[in-house]
Amino acid sequence: MILELKPDQERVLDQAFAVIQEQYQDWMLADRDAIAAQIEEGFRQADRGELIDADEALRILQIAAPNGASPDRCPHPFSSRHVRSTI
């Protein structure tokens, strides 16, 4: 589908996308330490053999964010209660 927008509509959308991008970048910078800690914990879990397969990961993500719901409103899909050892 192709939508034709008036110049004013394009300008409003451009401004909205700029605000969203700025807020996303601000969020990423503000949570940089927390994100790095979660990534580090993921590596430690992998080193201990606490991995899940791809099908299980997709299932968890679908439960955590059905119909495109924001994952931050759902329990963290990779919390320790969801992780099972594959060894």
C-alpha atoms as a PDB file:
ATOM      1  CA  MET A   1       0.000   0.000   0.000  1.00  0.00           C
ATOM      2  CA  ILE A   2       1.286   3.432  -0.891  1.00  0.00           C
ATOM      3  CA  LEU A   3       0.185   6.437   1.116  1.00  0.00           C
ATOM      4  CA  GLU A   4       0.530   9.914  -0.240  1.00  0.00           C
ATOM      5  CA  LEU A   5       1.043  12.474   2.474  1.00  0.00           C
ATOM      6  CA  LYS A   6       0.730  16.207   2.357  1.00  0.00           C
ATOM      7  CA  PRO A   7       3.921  18.130   3.192  1.00  0.00           C
ATOM      8  CA  ASP A   8       2.506  19.080   6.615  1.00  0.00           C
ATOM      9  CA  GLN A   9       1.757  15.430   7.378  1.00  0.00           C
ATOM     10  CA  GLU A  10       5.256  14.387   6.335  1.00  0.00           C
ATOM     11  CA  ARG A  11       6.744  17.076   8.558  1.00  0.00           C
ATOM     12  CA  VAL A  12       4.703  15.890  11.564  1.00  0.00           C
ATOM     13  CA  LEU A  13       5.770  12.283  11.003  1.00  0.00           C
ATOM     14  CA  ASP A  14       9.408  13.281  10.604  1.00  0.00           C
ATOM     15  CA  GLN A  15       9.259  15.212  13.876  1.00  0.00           C
ATOM     16  CA  ALA A  16       7.550  12.309  15.647  1.00  0.00           C
ATOM     17  CA  PHE A  17      10.171   9.835  14.440  1.00  0.00           C
ATOM     18  CA  ALA A  18      12.949  12.195  15.537  1.00  0.00           C
ATOM     19  CA  VAL A  19      11.461  12.410  19.039  1.00  0.00           C
ATOM     20  CA  ILE A  20      11.070   8.624  19.242  1.00  0.00           C
ATOM     21  CA  GLN A  21      14.661   8.079  18.111  1.00  0.00           C
ATOM     22  CA  GLU A  22      15.960  10.605  20.646  1.00  0.00           C
ATOM     23  CA  GLN A  23      13.995   9.023  23.478  1.00  0.00           C
ATOM     24  CA  TYR A  24      15.233   5.570  22.485  1.00  0.00           C
ATOM     25  CA  GLN A  25      18.839   6.766  22.480  1.00  0.00           C
ATOM     26  CA  ASP A  26      18.350   8.459  25.855  1.00  0.00           C
ATOM     27  CA  TRP A  27      16.869   5.247  27.255  1.00  0.00           C
ATOM     28  CA  MET A  28      19.757   3.178  25.932  1.00  0.00           C
ATOM     29  CA  LEU A  29      22.324   5.541  27.444  1.00  0.00           C
ATOM     30  CA  ALA A  30      20.494   5.727  30.776  1.00  0.00           C
ATOM     31  CA  ASP A  31      20.253   1.951  31.038  1.00  0.00           C
ATOM     32  CA  ARG A  32      23.683   1.183  29.594  1.00  0.00           C
ATOM     33  CA  ASP A  33      25.019  -0.271  32.871  1.00  0.00           C
ATOM     34  CA  ALA A  34      21.912  -2.395  33.438  1.00  0.00           C
ATOM     35  CA  ILE A  35      21.993  -3.675  29.858  1.00  0.00           C
ATOM     36  CA  ALA A  36      25.711  -4.486  30.124  1.00  0.00           C
ATOM     37  CA  ALA A  37      25.074  -6.358  33.385  1.00  0.00           C
ATOM     38  CA  GLN A  38      22.322  -8.428  31.772  1.00  0.00           C
ATOM     39  CA  ILE A  39      24.550  -9.275  28.822  1.00  0.00           C
ATOM     40  CA  GLU A  40      27.382 -10.255  31.179  1.00  0.00           C
ATOM     41  CA  GLU A  41      25.015 -12.468  33.176  1.00  0.00           C
ATOM     42  CA  GLY A  42      23.934 -14.118  29.925  1.00  0.00           C
ATOM     43  CA  PHE A  43      27.543 -14.960  29.114  1.00  0.00           C
ATOM     44  CA  ARG A  44      28.051 -16.374  32.621  1.00  0.00           C
ATOM     45  CA  GLN A  45      24.920 -18.515  32.222  1.00  0.00           C
ATOM     46  CA  ALA A  46      26.207 -19.785  28.864  1.00  0.00           C
ATOM     47  CA  ASP A  47      29.571 -20.625  30.458  1.00  0.00           C
ATOM     48  CA  ARG A  48      27.708 -22.648  33.108  1.00  0.00           C
ATOM     49  CA  GLY A  49      25.734 -24.463  30.386  1.00  0.00           C
ATOM     50  CA  GLU A  50      22.439 -22.819  31.314  1.00  0.00           C
ATOM     51  CA  LEU A  51      21.193 -22.370  27.780  1.00  0.00           C
ATOM     52  CA  ILE A  52      17.850 -22.730  26.060  1.00  0.00           C
ATOM     53  CA  ASP A  53      17.332 -23.732  22.459  1.00  0.00           C
ATOM     54  CA  ALA A  54      15.966 -21.379  19.801  1.00  0.00           C
ATOM     55  CA  ASP A  55      12.451 -22.870  19.826  1.00  0.00           C
ATOM     56  CA  GLU A  56      12.198 -22.400  23.590  1.00  0.00           C
ATOM     57  CA  ALA A  57      13.481 -18.831  23.335  1.00  0.00           C
ATOM     58  CA  LEU A  58      10.850 -17.981  20.722  1.00  0.00           C
ATOM     59  CA  ARG A  59       8.125 -19.581  22.855  1.00  0.00           C
ATOM     60  CA  ILE A  60       9.184 -17.511  25.879  1.00  0.00           C
ATOM     61  CA  LEU A  61       9.244 -14.308  23.835  1.00  0.00           C
ATOM     62  CA  GLN A  62       5.795 -15.005  22.404  1.00  0.00           C
ATOM     63  CA  ILE A  63       4.406 -15.535  25.897  1.00  0.00           C
ATOM     64  CA  ALA A  64       6.167 -12.423  27.231  1.00  0.00           C
ATOM     65  CA  ALA A  65       5.001 -10.110  24.468  1.00  0.00           C
ATOM     66  CA  PRO A  66       1.838 -11.428  22.786  1.00  0.00           C
ATOM     67  CA  ASN A  67       0.442  -9.337  19.929  1.00  0.00           C
ATOM     68  CA  GLY A  68       3.396  -6.960  20.015  1.00  0.00           C
ATOM     69  CA  ALA A  69       2.931  -5.986  23.660  1.00  0.00           C
ATOM     70  CA  SER A  70       5.840  -4.134  25.144  1.00  0.00           C
ATOM     71  CA  PRO A  71       8.259  -6.650  26.703  1.00  0.00           C
ATOM     72  CA  ASP A  72       9.009  -4.229  29.549  1.00  0.00           C
ATOM     73  CA  ARG A  73       5.459  -4.759  30.802  1.00  0.00           C
ATOM     74  CA  CYS A  74       5.958  -8.517  30.961  1.00  0.00           C
ATOM     75  CA  PRO A  75       8.167 -10.671  33.194  1.00  0.00           C
ATOM     76  CA  HIS A  76      11.706 -10.833  31.907  1.00  0.00           C
ATOM     77  CA  PRO A  77      11.697 -13.849  29.538  1.00  0.00           C
ATOM     78  CA  PHE A  78      15.194 -14.941  30.508  1.00  0.00           C
ATOM     79  CA  SER A  79      14.875 -14.710  34.254  1.00  0.00           C
ATOM     80  CA  SER A  80      16.224 -17.662  36.203  1.00  0.00           C
ATOM     81  CA  ARG A  81      12.798 -19.267  36.530  1.00  0.00           C
ATOM     82  CA  HIS A  82      12.651 -19.716  32.739  1.00  0.00           C
ATOM     83  CA  VAL A  83      16.178 -21.019  32.177  1.00  0.00           C
ATOM     84  CA  ARG A  84      16.794 -24.741  32.033  1.00  0.00           C
ATOM     85  CA  SER A  85      20.051 -26.521  31.525  1.00  0.00           C
ATOM     86  CA  THR A  86      20.601 -28.265  28.191  1.00  0.00           C
ATOM     87  CA  ILE A  87      23.381 -30.447  29.603  1.00  0.00           C
END
